[in-house]
Amino acid sequence: MRIISGKFKSRRLEVPKNITARPTTDFAKESLFNLLNNRISFDDIDMLDLFAGTGSIGFEFISRGAKRVVSIELEDIQCRFIKKVCNELKIDNLTLIKANVFKFLLSCNTQYDVVFADAPYQTENIAEIPDLIFSRNLLKDEGLLVVEHSAAFDFSNHPHFSEHRNYGNVNFTFFE
């Protein structure tokens, strides 16, 4: 896994072989951030990373100047890896919360500039994520929700749907 741009540009992070997350491919991540570069300014934003996995997306936001990243991850091995990387890179503006994402969202009252959700593809209630984000008012004005998902989901009829992009087996849907 590598960080594409920013102060940690080209930094390679060795992901443990026994990690249970499905990291976003470098190709899909680079394509996503090319799109985001045209939509947002990374400086001083607050970002929520749901189903953080390896932390790759959150680390990319930190590297590009995000003020704060809150990463939600349930699995111990992924949490240990995220903590290890934060220690190695001396990252102090990433808060890791070990929690079930859906329970976290029901109790969250903080607004974010960007929310990124990359649920395991077999998660049955992935379609609920946009509704939870918008019903809980978790995006700031002009905020952006990005959901990474399999081709099995079509969010184009959601009232906050903005755009859909496909990169191989990786799909990103944007909501505003």
C-alpha atoms as a PDB file:
ATOM      1  CA  MET A   1       0.000   0.000   0.000  1.00  0.00           C
ATOM      2  CA  ARG A   2       1.334   3.454  -0.792  1.00  0.00           C
ATOM      3  CA  ILE A   3       0.423   7.045  -0.094  1.00  0.00           C
ATOM      4  CA  ILE A   4      -0.007   8.813  -3.411  1.00  0.00           C
ATOM      5  CA  SER A   5       0.464  12.503  -2.675  1.00  0.00           C
ATOM      6  CA  GLY A   6       1.167  15.113  -0.039  1.00  0.00           C
ATOM      7  CA  LYS A   7       3.739  15.167   2.723  1.00  0.00           C
ATOM      8  CA  PHE A   8       3.948  11.347   2.838  1.00  0.00           C
ATOM      9  CA  LYS A   9       4.004  11.005  -0.969  1.00  0.00           C
ATOM     10  CA  SER A  10       5.351   7.676  -2.269  1.00  0.00           C
ATOM     11  CA  ARG A  11       5.566   6.269   1.255  1.00  0.00           C
ATOM     12  CA  ARG A  12       5.002   2.505   1.111  1.00  0.00           C
ATOM     13  CA  LEU A  13       3.311   0.841   4.050  1.00  0.00           C
ATOM     14  CA  GLU A  14       3.688  -2.908   4.517  1.00  0.00           C
ATOM     15  CA  VAL A  15       0.237  -4.311   5.226  1.00  0.00           C
ATOM     16  CA  PRO A  16       0.219  -7.476   7.368  1.00  0.00           C
ATOM     17  CA  LYS A  17      -0.634 -10.619   5.410  1.00  0.00           C
ATOM     18  CA  ASN A  18      -3.304 -11.637   7.945  1.00  0.00           C
ATOM     19  CA  ILE A  19      -5.276  -8.390   7.659  1.00  0.00           C
ATOM     20  CA  THR A  20      -8.941  -9.026   6.880  1.00  0.00           C
ATOM     21  CA  ALA A  21      -9.657  -5.740   5.074  1.00  0.00           C
ATOM     22  CA  ARG A  22      -9.918  -5.322   1.296  1.00  0.00           C
ATOM     23  CA  PRO A  23      -7.777  -2.235   0.662  1.00  0.00           C
ATOM     24  CA  THR A  24      -8.798   0.129  -2.120  1.00  0.00           C
ATOM     25  CA  THR A  25      -6.448  -0.558  -5.032  1.00  0.00           C
ATOM     26  CA  ASP A  26      -3.789   2.064  -5.769  1.00  0.00           C
ATOM     27  CA  PHE A  27      -5.322   2.592  -9.222  1.00  0.00           C
ATOM     28  CA  ALA A  28      -8.827   3.212  -7.814  1.00  0.00           C
ATOM     29  CA  LYS A  29      -7.466   5.360  -4.977  1.00  0.00           C
ATOM     30  CA  GLU A  30      -5.425   7.504  -7.364  1.00  0.00           C
ATOM     31  CA  SER A  31      -8.480   7.941  -9.615  1.00  0.00           C
ATOM     32  CA  LEU A  32     -10.649   8.851  -6.617  1.00  0.00           C
ATOM     33  CA  PHE A  33      -8.216  11.488  -5.400  1.00  0.00           C
ATOM     34  CA  ASN A  34      -7.878  12.947  -8.888  1.00  0.00           C
ATOM     35  CA  LEU A  35     -11.647  13.488  -8.802  1.00  0.00           C
ATOM     36  CA  LEU A  36     -11.568  14.846  -5.253  1.00  0.00           C
ATOM     37  CA  ASN A  37      -8.807  17.325  -6.174  1.00  0.00           C
ATOM     38  CA  ASN A  38     -11.305  18.992  -8.501  1.00  0.00           C
ATOM     39  CA  ARG A  39     -14.089  19.081  -5.902  1.00  0.00           C
ATOM     40  CA  ILE A  40     -12.523  19.927  -2.551  1.00  0.00           C
ATOM     41  CA  SER A  41      -9.606  21.639  -0.901  1.00  0.00           C
ATOM     42  CA  PHE A  42      -7.915  19.221   1.473  1.00  0.00           C
ATOM     43  CA  ASP A  43      -6.457  21.916   3.696  1.00  0.00           C
ATOM     44  CA  ASP A  44      -8.084  22.129   7.106  1.00  0.00           C
ATOM     45  CA  ILE A  45     -10.960  19.741   6.484  1.00  0.00           C
ATOM     46  CA  ASP A  46     -12.517  17.272   8.898  1.00  0.00           C
ATOM     47  CA  MET A  47     -12.910  13.804   7.433  1.00  0.00           C
ATOM     48  CA  LEU A  48     -14.748  10.694   8.651  1.00  0.00           C
ATOM     49  CA  ASP A  49     -13.421   7.348   7.379  1.00  0.00           C
ATOM     50  CA  LEU A  50     -16.007   4.593   7.902  1.00  0.00           C
ATOM     51  CA  PHE A  51     -14.863   0.951   7.761  1.00  0.00           C
ATOM     52  CA  ALA A  52     -11.297   2.296   7.794  1.00  0.00           C
ATOM     53  CA  GLY A  53      -9.632  -1.078   7.148  1.00  0.00           C
ATOM     54  CA  THR A  54      -5.935  -0.374   6.585  1.00  0.00           C
ATOM     55  CA  GLY A  55      -6.501   3.358   7.041  1.00  0.00           C
ATOM     56  CA  SER A  56      -5.274   4.017   3.505  1.00  0.00           C
ATOM     57  CA  ILE A  57      -7.912   6.624   2.640  1.00  0.00           C
ATOM     58  CA  GLY A  58      -7.554   8.456   5.952  1.00  0.00           C
ATOM     59  CA  PHE A  59      -3.757   8.497   5.629  1.00  0.00           C
ATOM     60  CA  GLU A  60      -4.104   9.960   2.145  1.00  0.00           C
ATOM     61  CA  PHE A  61      -6.323  12.761   3.507  1.00  0.00           C
ATOM     62  CA  ILE A  62      -3.825  13.464   6.329  1.00  0.00           C
ATOM     63  CA  SER A  63      -0.939  13.500   3.848  1.00  0.00           C
ATOM     64  CA  ARG A  64      -2.793  16.074   1.738  1.00  0.00           C
ATOM     65  CA  GLY A  65      -3.430  18.454   4.650  1.00  0.00           C
ATOM     66  CA  ALA A  66      -6.670  17.402   6.355  1.00  0.00           C
ATOM     67  CA  LYS A  67      -7.005  19.008   9.755  1.00  0.00           C
ATOM     68  CA  ARG A  68      -8.552  15.920  11.348  1.00  0.00           C
ATOM     69  CA  VAL A  69      -9.487  12.387  10.367  1.00  0.00           C
ATOM     70  CA  VAL A  70     -11.746  10.180  12.457  1.00  0.00           C
ATOM     71  CA  SER A  71     -11.389   6.519  11.465  1.00  0.00           C
ATOM     72  CA  ILE A  72     -13.974   3.947  12.499  1.00  0.00           C
ATOM     73  CA  GLU A  73     -12.874   0.307  12.416  1.00  0.00           C
ATOM     74  CA  LEU A  74     -14.117  -2.737  14.304  1.00  0.00           C
ATOM     75  CA  GLU A  75     -11.443  -5.366  13.678  1.00  0.00           C
ATOM     76  CA  ASP A  76      -8.492  -5.567  16.089  1.00  0.00           C
ATOM     77  CA  ILE A  77      -5.850  -6.370  13.473  1.00  0.00           C
ATOM     78  CA  GLN A  78      -6.798  -3.357  11.347  1.00  0.00           C
ATOM     79  CA  CYS A  79      -6.876  -1.098  14.431  1.00  0.00           C
ATOM     80  CA  ARG A  80      -3.378  -2.240  15.429  1.00  0.00           C
ATOM     81  CA  PHE A  81      -2.090  -1.528  11.920  1.00  0.00           C
ATOM     82  CA  ILE A  82      -3.609   1.980  11.840  1.00  0.00           C
ATOM     83  CA  LYS A  83      -2.079   2.763  15.263  1.00  0.00           C
ATOM     84  CA  LYS A  84       1.305   1.429  14.101  1.00  0.00           C
ATOM     85  CA  VAL A  85       1.300   3.627  10.989  1.00  0.00           C
ATOM     86  CA  CYS A  86       0.251   6.681  13.026  1.00  0.00           C
ATOM     87  CA  ASN A  87       3.197   6.051  15.359  1.00  0.00           C
ATOM     88  CA  GLU A  88       5.665   5.491  12.496  1.00  0.00           C
ATOM     89  CA  LEU A  89       4.585   8.630  10.613  1.00  0.00           C
ATOM     90  CA  LYS A  90       4.067  10.679  13.804  1.00  0.00           C
ATOM     91  CA  ILE A  91       0.434  11.375  12.862  1.00  0.00           C
ATOM     92  CA  ASP A  92      -1.394  13.037  15.740  1.00  0.00           C
ATOM     93  CA  ASN A  93      -4.525  14.280  13.959  1.00  0.00           C
ATOM     94  CA  LEU A  94      -6.104  10.894  13.278  1.00  0.00           C
ATOM     95  CA  THR A  95      -8.527   9.601  15.882  1.00  0.00           C
ATOM     96  CA  LEU A  96      -9.183   5.868  15.717  1.00  0.00           C
ATOM     97  CA  ILE A  97     -12.450   4.624  17.180  1.00  0.00           C
ATOM     98  CA  LYS A  98     -12.929   0.859  17.508  1.00  0.00           C
ATOM     99  CA  ALA A  99     -16.655   0.513  16.877  1.00  0.00           C
ATOM    100  CA  ASN A 100     -19.411  -0.900  14.727  1.00  0.00           C
ATOM    101  CA  VAL A 101     -19.969   1.749  12.051  1.00  0.00           C
ATOM    102  CA  PHE A 102     -23.760   1.581  12.153  1.00  0.00           C
ATOM    103  CA  LYS A 103     -23.866   1.987  15.943  1.00  0.00           C
ATOM    104  CA  PHE A 104     -21.343   4.829  15.709  1.00  0.00           C
ATOM    105  CA  LEU A 105     -23.446   6.652  13.105  1.00  0.00           C
ATOM    106  CA  LEU A 106     -26.543   6.428  15.301  1.00  0.00           C
ATOM    107  CA  SER A 107     -24.727   8.230  18.120  1.00  0.00           C
ATOM    108  CA  CYS A 108     -22.539  10.643  16.128  1.00  0.00           C
ATOM    109  CA  ASN A 109     -23.371  14.352  16.322  1.00  0.00           C
ATOM    110  CA  THR A 110     -20.269  15.781  14.631  1.00  0.00           C
ATOM    111  CA  GLN A 111     -20.337  17.211  11.118  1.00  0.00           C
ATOM    112  CA  TYR A 112     -17.612  16.504   8.577  1.00  0.00           C
ATOM    113  CA  ASP A 113     -16.492  18.015   5.287  1.00  0.00           C
ATOM    114  CA  VAL A 114     -16.002  14.568   3.759  1.00  0.00           C
ATOM    115  CA  VAL A 115     -17.318  11.167   4.777  1.00  0.00           C
ATOM    116  CA  PHE A 116     -15.848   8.116   3.060  1.00  0.00           C
ATOM    117  CA  ALA A 117     -17.479   4.697   3.517  1.00  0.00           C
ATOM    118  CA  ASP A 118     -15.882   1.500   2.244  1.00  0.00           C
ATOM    119  CA  ALA A 119     -17.938  -1.274   3.810  1.00  0.00           C
ATOM    120  CA  PRO A 120     -16.984  -4.874   3.138  1.00  0.00           C
ATOM    121  CA  TYR A 121     -18.744  -5.699  -0.120  1.00  0.00           C
ATOM    122  CA  GLN A 122     -20.800  -8.437   1.548  1.00  0.00           C
ATOM    123  CA  THR A 123     -22.295  -5.962   4.060  1.00  0.00           C
ATOM    124  CA  GLU A 124     -26.050  -6.347   3.638  1.00  0.00           C
ATOM    125  CA  ASN A 125     -27.087  -2.893   4.832  1.00  0.00           C
ATOM    126  CA  ILE A 126     -24.601  -0.837   2.820  1.00  0.00           C
ATOM    127  CA  ALA A 127     -27.546   0.891   1.124  1.00  0.00           C
ATOM    128  CA  GLU A 128     -28.475   2.418   4.514  1.00  0.00           C
ATOM    129  CA  ILE A 129     -25.238   4.382   4.826  1.00  0.00           C
ATOM    130  CA  PRO A 130     -26.259   7.456   2.765  1.00  0.00           C
ATOM    131  CA  ASP A 131     -29.612   7.643   4.560  1.00  0.00           C
ATOM    132  CA  LEU A 132     -27.900   7.484   7.960  1.00  0.00           C
ATOM    133  CA  ILE A 133     -25.389  10.187   7.015  1.00  0.00           C
ATOM    134  CA  PHE A 134     -28.060  12.573   5.737  1.00  0.00           C
ATOM    135  CA  SER A 135     -30.706  11.850   8.397  1.00  0.00           C
ATOM    136  CA  ARG A 136     -28.110  12.464  11.140  1.00  0.00           C
ATOM    137  CA  ASN A 137     -26.949  15.655   9.343  1.00  0.00           C
ATOM    138  CA  LEU A 138     -23.310  14.530   9.494  1.00  0.00           C
ATOM    139  CA  LEU A 139     -22.113  16.574   6.514  1.00  0.00           C
ATOM    140  CA  LYS A 140     -21.214  20.241   6.749  1.00  0.00           C
ATOM    141  CA  ASP A 141     -22.612  22.637   4.146  1.00  0.00           C
ATOM    142  CA  GLU A 142     -21.003  21.734   0.820  1.00  0.00           C
ATOM    143  CA  GLY A 143     -19.970  18.401   2.400  1.00  0.00           C
ATOM    144  CA  LEU A 144     -19.373  15.274   0.359  1.00  0.00           C
ATOM    145  CA  LEU A 145     -20.142  11.601   0.994  1.00  0.00           C
ATOM    146  CA  VAL A 146     -18.259   8.987  -1.029  1.00  0.00           C
ATOM    147  CA  VAL A 147     -19.327   5.340  -0.848  1.00  0.00           C
ATOM    148  CA  GLU A 148     -17.082   2.637  -2.270  1.00  0.00           C
ATOM    149  CA  HIS A 149     -19.092  -0.431  -3.241  1.00  0.00           C
ATOM    150  CA  SER A 150     -19.467  -3.358  -5.597  1.00  0.00           C
ATOM    151  CA  ALA A 151     -21.381  -3.202  -8.867  1.00  0.00           C
ATOM    152  CA  ALA A 152     -24.336  -4.843  -7.079  1.00  0.00           C
ATOM    153  CA  PHE A 153     -25.435  -1.445  -5.733  1.00  0.00           C
ATOM    154  CA  ASP A 154     -27.019   1.384  -7.683  1.00  0.00           C
ATOM    155  CA  PHE A 155     -27.522   4.594  -5.741  1.00  0.00           C
ATOM    156  CA  SER A 156     -28.548   6.722  -8.734  1.00  0.00           C
ATOM    157  CA  ASN A 157     -32.104   7.177  -7.438  1.00  0.00           C
ATOM    158  CA  HIS A 158     -30.999   8.454  -4.024  1.00  0.00           C
ATOM    159  CA  PRO A 159     -32.104  12.084  -3.527  1.00  0.00           C
ATOM    160  CA  HIS A 160     -28.538  13.167  -2.674  1.00  0.00           C
ATOM    161  CA  PHE A 161     -26.882  11.235  -5.533  1.00  0.00           C
ATOM    162  CA  SER A 162     -24.316  13.315  -7.403  1.00  0.00           C
ATOM    163  CA  GLU A 163     -22.115  11.039  -9.496  1.00  0.00           C
ATOM    164  CA  HIS A 164     -20.984   7.445  -9.996  1.00  0.00           C
ATOM    165  CA  ARG A 165     -17.562   6.277 -11.179  1.00  0.00           C
ATOM    166  CA  ASN A 166     -16.319   2.778 -11.920  1.00  0.00           C
ATOM    167  CA  TYR A 167     -12.683   1.650 -11.840  1.00  0.00           C
ATOM    168  CA  GLY A 168     -12.563  -2.069 -12.603  1.00  0.00           C
ATOM    169  CA  ASN A 169     -14.320  -3.850  -9.750  1.00  0.00           C
ATOM    170  CA  VAL A 170     -14.330  -0.686  -7.619  1.00  0.00           C
ATOM    171  CA  ASN A 171     -17.309   1.666  -7.727  1.00  0.00           C
ATOM    172  CA  PHE A 172     -17.482   5.089  -6.107  1.00  0.00           C
ATOM    173  CA  THR A 173     -20.766   6.918  -5.662  1.00  0.00           C
ATOM    174  CA  PHE A 174     -20.740  10.571  -4.622  1.00  0.00           C
ATOM    175  CA  PHE A 175     -23.515  12.219  -2.632  1.00  0.00           C
ATOM    176  CA  GLU A 176     -23.999  15.897  -1.784  1.00  0.00           C
END
